[in-house]
Amino acid sequence: MFHQGAAAYAPPPGPSAPPATMFGSVPGYEGTVAGGGGYLPPPMPLEPVAPPQPSGEADWSIPCLSEDVAREAFKMYASSNCCYSKSPATDGVITNMEPFNTYRYRLETFTESRATEWAHKPHEGEPADFYTQTAPRPWEVQATPPQLFTNHMEEIRVPFTSSIKECHSCHASGTMPCQECNGRGSKECWVCHGTGQSGEQECSRCNSTGKDSCSECNSQGYKECETCDGKQQLLTYIKLKIEWTNHVEDFVLEQTSGLHTGDLSSVTGKELFKNSQYLVYPVLGFPDPAISEASERLVREHQTKYAETSRILQQKQTVELIPITKVAYKWKGDNHVYYVYGNEHQVSADYPATCCCVIL
């Protein structure tokens, strides 16, 4: 039994983009479009106030690392890697320890940025408040910021911008043609490929019909509209996207120990100076002028760059003295070096005794 193929069938159109006329015009939100239109300029910032500066009587020293502490840190480093033999850490003999302590200046700028866009969601009985009152301007919408210097994002429906519209995807029917079967409710049988026969016999899969039921739509030929969740109507509104971001930038004074500066990003040091306020003032009169120069440059850059597209809520600057000790040791007649750094006593080393680990 042979079944002729069905006539050419044009697939049903998929969901369409919201028409421009779907959204109204709200005073203070002119130019807002679906999908967003960039960040909104913040209110004018205030001028920074000069904070207390580092005292010349501060204690800039760090106690020298003892051999016992350096050896124990090396042992822990070796034991943390399954491919390292413990022999260099336990049998190596320390021949010299040299400090290379360095300063790190860190500036943190905590900002809030706001952007708006027209959005929609399935209408679930919410009232339409469009034009019942004047909508608050983007920077007038109340929002609770997170803990200072932590990243967070929040989306808020702007009050008095909501209206109810027919769904543009399903034209208020609540359903859409099934894309899997092109609205037919059935698909070509995958066993007989629509012929109704499997070899010399009738196809038992489709009972010789050449068609297989569409499991995506339960043979109905349509599915619930994904845009409106079958509600037939949409609530359109202006969505305010608020992002709180902590921008962190470090300056580490160059040191000649041989330790890569990037290794210091994961450790802490002895805090020598800390100042936090709305807008910080550069650190002046620091014993090493390179720190003062870096502070002046970074403060200027941050306040210029981030004030253009966001509102600076708080800044914080710190100066740390990070301990670095270069440890020379001898193992099996050869000279080797490792570094112990940070309050955490982390270790960096070109370890001399490794084995080949195979992970199955």
Protein backbone atom coordinates (compact mmCIF):
# COMPACT_ATOMS: atom_id res chain seq x y z
CA MET A 1 0.00 0.00 0.00
CA PHE A 2 1.60 3.25 -1.11
CA HIS A 3 0.61 6.72 0.14
CA GLN A 4 1.35 9.75 -1.96
CA GLY A 5 3.07 12.62 -0.18
CA ALA A 6 0.87 15.45 1.06
CA ALA A 7 0.75 18.76 -0.79
CA ALA A 8 3.42 21.33 0.06
CA TYR A 9 2.72 22.80 3.47
CA ALA A 10 3.91 26.22 4.53
CA PRO A 11 5.10 26.16 8.15
CA PRO A 12 3.18 28.44 10.50
CA PRO A 13 4.83 31.70 11.43
CA GLY A 14 6.76 31.77 14.71
CA PRO A 15 6.41 34.36 17.44
CA SER A 16 6.91 37.88 16.22
CA ALA A 17 8.71 40.75 17.87
CA PRO A 18 6.55 43.22 19.81
CA PRO A 19 5.36 45.99 17.48
CA ALA A 20 6.60 49.48 18.22
CA THR A 21 3.04 50.65 18.77
CA MET A 22 2.64 48.16 21.61
CA PHE A 23 4.38 50.46 24.08
CA GLY A 24 3.19 53.88 25.13
CA SER A 25 5.09 57.07 25.85
CA VAL A 26 5.99 57.88 29.44
CA PRO A 27 7.33 61.31 30.47
CA GLY A 28 10.94 60.97 31.57
CA TYR A 29 11.40 57.73 29.62
CA GLU A 30 11.47 59.08 26.08
CA GLY A 31 13.69 56.92 23.92
CA THR A 32 13.19 53.80 26.04
CA VAL A 33 12.93 50.79 23.73
CA ALA A 34 12.41 47.05 24.04
CA GLY A 35 15.77 45.41 24.69
CA GLY A 36 17.27 48.40 26.48
CA GLY A 37 18.90 51.61 25.43
CA GLY A 38 22.08 51.97 27.49
CA TYR A 39 22.80 53.25 30.96
CA LEU A 40 21.26 56.44 32.23
CA PRO A 41 23.45 59.36 33.38
CA PRO A 42 23.45 59.65 37.17
CA PRO A 43 22.86 62.77 39.27
CA MET A 44 25.81 65.13 39.67
CA PRO A 45 28.32 63.86 42.27
CA LEU A 46 29.53 65.80 45.26
CA GLU A 47 33.13 66.88 45.79
CA PRO A 48 35.42 64.55 47.77
CA VAL A 49 36.59 65.54 51.23
CA ALA A 50 40.23 65.12 52.23
CA PRO A 51 40.50 62.22 54.72
CA PRO A 52 43.10 61.57 57.43
CA GLN A 53 46.42 60.69 55.84
CA PRO A 54 48.91 57.96 56.87
CA SER A 55 50.80 58.90 59.99
CA GLY A 56 54.54 59.17 59.85
CA GLU A 57 54.68 57.32 63.18
CA ALA A 58 53.03 54.18 61.79
CA ASP A 59 54.82 50.85 62.18
CA TRP A 60 55.87 49.80 58.67
CA SER A 61 57.78 46.68 59.72
CA ILE A 62 56.89 42.99 59.51
CA PRO A 63 58.62 40.42 61.72
CA CYS A 64 61.06 38.23 59.80
CA LEU A 65 59.84 34.77 58.89
CA SER A 66 61.41 32.03 61.00
CA GLU A 67 62.96 28.92 59.47
CA ASP A 68 60.39 26.73 61.21
CA VAL A 69 57.50 28.63 59.67
CA ALA A 70 59.13 28.64 56.22
CA ARG A 71 59.81 24.90 56.40
CA GLU A 72 56.28 24.09 57.59
CA ALA A 73 54.77 26.19 54.76
CA PHE A 74 56.92 24.27 52.23
CA LYS A 75 55.80 20.92 53.69
CA MET A 76 52.14 21.89 53.40
CA TYR A 77 52.73 23.03 49.83
CA ALA A 78 54.30 19.68 48.91
CA SER A 79 51.59 17.62 50.63
CA SER A 80 48.83 19.51 48.80
CA ASN A 81 49.99 18.08 45.46
CA CYS A 82 49.73 14.32 44.94
CA CYS A 83 52.45 14.43 42.25
CA TYR A 84 55.09 15.93 44.55
CA SER A 85 57.56 13.87 46.49
CA LYS A 86 57.82 15.08 50.08
CA SER A 87 61.59 14.59 50.18
CA PRO A 88 62.65 18.16 49.16
CA ALA A 89 60.36 19.68 51.80
CA THR A 90 61.41 17.33 54.60
CA ASP A 91 65.08 16.70 53.75
CA GLY A 92 66.06 20.01 52.13
CA VAL A 93 68.40 22.22 54.16
CA ILE A 94 67.66 25.95 54.26
CA THR A 95 70.80 27.95 53.45
CA ASN A 96 69.46 31.51 53.26
CA MET A 97 66.28 33.56 53.83
CA GLU A 98 65.88 37.04 52.38
CA PRO A 99 62.85 39.38 52.84
CA PHE A 100 61.42 41.28 49.87
CA ASN A 101 58.36 42.86 51.48
CA THR A 102 56.36 45.10 49.16
CA TYR A 103 53.45 47.56 49.28
CA ARG A 104 50.07 47.08 47.64
CA TYR A 105 47.66 49.95 47.11
CA ARG A 106 44.06 48.93 46.44
CA LEU A 107 41.18 51.17 45.35
CA GLU A 108 37.58 49.92 45.41
CA THR A 109 34.79 51.96 43.82
CA PHE A 110 31.25 50.79 44.55
CA THR A 111 28.80 52.02 41.92
CA GLU A 112 25.13 51.87 41.05
CA SER A 113 24.04 52.00 37.40
CA ARG A 114 20.51 52.12 36.01
CA ALA A 115 19.08 51.26 32.61
CA THR A 116 15.50 51.03 31.35
CA GLU A 117 13.72 49.07 28.68
CA TRP A 118 10.17 48.24 27.70
CA ALA A 119 9.26 44.72 28.77
CA HIS A 120 6.27 42.43 28.93
CA LYS A 121 5.08 39.37 30.80
CA PRO A 122 1.95 37.20 30.79
CA HIS A 123 -0.93 39.13 32.34
CA GLU A 124 -1.86 37.45 35.62
CA GLY A 125 -4.48 39.84 36.90
CA GLU A 126 -2.21 42.77 37.74
CA PRO A 127 -3.94 46.15 37.49
CA ALA A 128 -3.02 48.53 34.69
CA ASP A 129 -1.67 51.68 36.37
CA PHE A 130 -0.43 53.46 33.26
CA TYR A 131 -0.98 57.25 33.65
CA THR A 132 -2.94 56.87 36.91
CA GLN A 133 -0.08 58.89 38.42
CA THR A 134 3.11 60.39 37.12
CA ALA A 135 5.78 57.71 36.86
CA PRO A 136 8.90 58.34 38.97
CA ARG A 137 12.03 59.15 36.99
CA PRO A 138 14.64 56.37 36.73
CA TRP A 139 16.83 57.70 39.55
CA GLU A 140 13.76 58.43 41.72
CA VAL A 141 12.68 54.77 41.94
CA GLN A 142 13.45 53.48 45.42
CA ALA A 143 15.80 50.51 45.66
CA THR A 144 17.70 48.99 48.58
CA PRO A 145 21.40 48.54 47.79
CA PRO A 146 23.23 45.42 48.95
CA GLN A 147 26.05 45.39 51.48
CA LEU A 148 28.75 47.86 50.45
CA PHE A 149 31.34 46.62 47.95
CA THR A 150 29.33 43.56 46.88
CA ASN A 151 27.99 42.92 43.37
CA HIS A 152 24.25 42.60 42.92
CA MET A 153 21.59 43.07 40.24
CA GLU A 154 17.88 43.82 40.59
CA GLU A 155 15.04 44.38 38.14
CA ILE A 156 12.10 46.59 39.13
CA ARG A 157 8.81 47.27 37.37
CA VAL A 158 8.56 51.06 37.26
CA PRO A 159 5.31 52.16 38.96
CA PHE A 160 2.56 53.71 36.81
CA THR A 161 3.92 52.41 33.49
CA SER A 162 1.90 49.15 33.21
CA SER A 163 -0.80 48.54 30.61
CA ILE A 164 -2.60 45.45 29.30
CA LYS A 165 -2.23 44.47 25.62
CA GLU A 166 -3.25 41.55 23.45
CA CYS A 167 -0.46 39.03 22.93
CA HIS A 168 1.34 39.85 19.68
CA SER A 169 2.65 36.32 19.22
CA CYS A 170 -0.62 34.37 19.24
CA HIS A 171 -2.93 37.30 18.42
CA ALA A 172 -4.77 36.77 21.72
CA SER A 173 -5.63 33.12 21.00
CA GLY A 174 -3.42 31.70 23.74
CA THR A 175 -2.02 29.01 21.43
CA MET A 176 0.58 28.71 18.70
CA PRO A 177 0.99 26.11 15.93
CA CYS A 178 3.34 23.33 16.99
CA GLN A 179 6.73 23.87 15.39
CA GLU A 180 7.62 20.18 15.62
CA CYS A 181 4.78 19.01 13.33
CA ASN A 182 4.11 22.34 11.60
CA GLY A 183 0.60 22.41 13.05
CA ARG A 184 -0.48 19.09 11.53
CA GLY A 185 -0.67 17.09 14.77
CA SER A 186 1.35 14.30 13.18
CA LYS A 187 4.73 13.71 11.63
CA GLU A 188 6.07 11.40 8.98
CA CYS A 189 6.54 7.91 10.39
CA TRP A 190 10.23 7.42 11.12
CA VAL A 191 10.03 3.67 10.35
CA CYS A 192 8.45 3.70 6.90
CA HIS A 193 9.29 7.33 6.05
CA GLY A 194 5.65 8.05 5.17
CA THR A 195 5.14 5.15 2.76
CA GLY A 196 2.99 3.04 5.07
CA GLN A 197 5.12 -0.01 4.27
CA SER A 198 8.12 -1.57 5.88
CA GLY A 199 9.76 -3.77 3.31
CA GLU A 200 7.12 -6.08 1.84
CA GLN A 201 4.72 -5.63 4.75
CA GLU A 202 2.49 -2.93 6.09
CA CYS A 203 4.18 -0.71 8.67
CA SER A 204 3.17 -1.78 12.15
CA ARG A 205 4.51 1.40 13.69
CA CYS A 206 1.92 3.66 12.03
CA ASN A 207 -0.64 1.01 11.06
CA SER A 208 0.23 1.72 7.42
CA THR A 209 -0.92 5.37 7.66
CA GLY A 210 2.55 6.79 7.06
CA LYS A 211 2.02 9.17 9.96
CA ASP A 212 3.22 9.20 13.54
CA SER A 213 1.54 11.12 16.36
CA CYS A 214 3.34 14.28 17.43
CA SER A 215 4.39 13.90 21.06
CA GLU A 216 5.27 17.59 21.38
CA CYS A 217 1.65 18.74 21.09
CA ASN A 218 -0.15 15.45 21.91
CA SER A 219 -1.41 15.37 18.30
CA GLN A 220 -3.31 18.62 18.76
CA GLY A 221 -1.30 20.60 16.23
CA TYR A 222 -0.90 23.53 18.60
CA LYS A 223 0.77 24.34 21.92
CA GLU A 224 0.34 26.92 24.61
CA CYS A 225 1.77 30.27 23.56
CA GLU A 226 5.13 30.72 25.26
CA THR A 227 4.91 34.51 25.16
CA CYS A 228 1.70 34.84 27.17
CA ASP A 229 1.62 31.34 28.77
CA GLY A 230 -1.83 30.89 27.28
CA LYS A 231 -3.21 33.98 29.07
CA GLN A 232 -3.94 35.74 25.73
CA GLN A 233 -2.93 39.10 27.21
CA LEU A 234 0.37 40.71 28.22
CA LEU A 235 1.26 43.23 30.86
CA THR A 236 3.62 45.75 29.27
CA TYR A 237 5.73 47.98 31.50
CA ILE A 238 9.03 49.78 31.81
CA LYS A 239 11.65 47.59 33.46
CA LEU A 240 14.37 49.29 35.48
CA LYS A 241 17.58 47.28 35.68
CA ILE A 242 19.84 48.27 38.59
CA GLU A 243 23.39 46.96 38.88
CA TRP A 244 25.62 47.44 41.89
CA THR A 245 29.23 46.75 40.99
CA ASN A 246 32.44 46.82 42.99
CA HIS A 247 35.35 47.89 40.78
CA VAL A 248 38.69 46.82 42.28
CA GLU A 249 42.09 47.89 41.06
CA ASP A 250 45.50 47.18 42.60
CA PHE A 251 48.93 48.69 42.31
CA VAL A 252 51.78 46.55 43.62
CA LEU A 253 55.19 48.10 44.08
CA GLU A 254 57.79 46.29 42.01
CA GLN A 255 60.04 43.97 43.98
CA THR A 256 63.17 42.14 42.83
CA SER A 257 62.69 38.79 44.55
CA GLY A 258 61.73 36.97 41.35
CA LEU A 259 58.19 36.21 42.56
CA HIS A 260 55.55 37.02 39.97
CA THR A 261 53.44 40.01 41.05
CA GLY A 262 50.24 38.22 39.97
CA ASP A 263 50.76 35.63 42.72
CA LEU A 264 50.09 38.32 45.32
CA SER A 265 46.46 38.82 44.25
CA SER A 266 45.29 35.87 46.36
CA VAL A 267 46.94 36.88 49.65
CA THR A 268 46.61 39.62 52.25
CA GLY A 269 49.21 41.69 54.04
CA LYS A 270 49.59 43.95 57.04
CA GLU A 271 47.13 46.82 56.71
CA LEU A 272 48.95 50.13 57.08
CA PHE A 273 46.24 52.54 55.97
CA LYS A 274 42.51 52.35 55.27
CA ASN A 275 40.02 55.04 54.33
CA SER A 276 36.41 54.64 53.18
CA GLN A 277 33.97 57.40 52.27
CA TYR A 278 31.71 58.60 49.48
CA LEU A 279 34.61 59.90 47.36
CA VAL A 280 38.12 59.29 48.63
CA TYR A 281 41.02 61.70 48.38
CA PRO A 282 44.40 60.46 47.10
CA VAL A 283 46.89 59.21 49.69
CA LEU A 284 49.49 61.93 50.25
CA GLY A 285 52.88 61.83 51.90
CA PHE A 286 53.32 58.05 51.90
CA PRO A 287 56.92 56.99 52.67
CA ASP A 288 57.24 55.49 49.19
CA PRO A 289 56.18 58.15 46.63
CA ALA A 290 55.19 55.48 44.10
CA ILE A 291 52.19 54.61 46.28
CA SER A 292 51.06 58.26 46.42
CA GLU A 293 51.45 58.57 42.66
CA ALA A 294 49.44 55.39 42.04
CA SER A 295 46.73 56.56 44.44
CA GLU A 296 46.41 59.92 42.72
CA ARG A 297 46.22 58.28 39.27
CA LEU A 298 43.69 55.57 40.18
CA VAL A 299 41.41 57.90 42.17
CA ARG A 300 41.31 60.32 39.26
CA GLU A 301 40.65 57.54 36.74
CA HIS A 302 37.90 55.88 38.79
CA GLN A 303 36.05 59.09 39.59
CA THR A 304 36.19 60.18 35.96
CA LYS A 305 35.35 56.84 34.34
CA TYR A 306 32.60 55.52 36.60
CA ALA A 307 30.82 58.81 37.26
CA GLU A 308 29.90 59.05 33.56
CA THR A 309 27.53 56.05 33.48
CA SER A 310 26.89 55.25 37.13
CA ARG A 311 26.53 56.76 40.57
CA ILE A 312 29.45 56.27 42.93
CA LEU A 313 28.07 55.19 46.30
CA GLN A 314 31.30 54.59 48.21
CA GLN A 315 35.02 54.29 47.71
CA LYS A 316 37.61 52.50 49.80
CA GLN A 317 41.38 52.61 49.62
CA THR A 318 43.90 50.55 51.53
CA VAL A 319 47.66 50.19 51.69
CA GLU A 320 49.09 46.84 52.74
CA LEU A 321 52.61 45.66 53.40
CA ILE A 322 52.81 42.17 51.94
CA PRO A 323 55.48 39.86 53.36
CA ILE A 324 57.62 38.02 50.82
CA THR A 325 60.50 35.77 51.83
CA LYS A 326 62.86 34.17 49.33
CA VAL A 327 64.09 30.89 50.77
CA ALA A 328 67.21 29.21 49.36
CA TYR A 329 67.75 25.54 50.21
CA LYS A 330 69.94 22.61 49.21
CA TRP A 331 68.60 19.18 48.36
CA LYS A 332 70.67 16.24 47.03
CA GLY A 333 73.60 18.57 46.43
CA ASP A 334 71.67 21.04 44.27
CA ASN A 335 70.54 24.58 45.13
CA HIS A 336 66.87 25.49 44.88
CA VAL A 337 64.57 28.40 45.78
CA TYR A 338 60.99 28.83 46.93
CA TYR A 339 58.95 31.82 48.08
CA VAL A 340 56.69 32.24 51.11
CA TYR A 341 54.36 35.20 50.84
CA GLY A 342 51.29 36.83 52.35
CA ASN A 343 49.76 36.49 55.80
CA GLU A 344 48.55 33.08 54.60
CA HIS A 345 52.14 31.83 54.05
CA GLN A 346 51.42 30.67 50.55
CA VAL A 347 54.28 29.09 48.61
CA SER A 348 55.49 29.42 45.04
CA ALA A 349 58.20 27.04 43.86
CA ASP A 350 59.70 25.23 40.90
CA TYR A 351 59.46 21.91 42.71
CA PRO A 352 62.43 19.61 42.02
CA ALA A 353 60.79 16.22 42.63
CA THR A 354 57.62 15.39 40.73
CA CYS A 355 56.18 12.18 39.38
CA CYS A 356 53.88 11.46 36.47
CA CYS A 357 50.28 11.27 37.65
CA VAL A 358 47.84 9.42 35.44
CA ILE A 359 44.14 10.09 35.99
CA LEU A 360 41.98 7.26 34.62
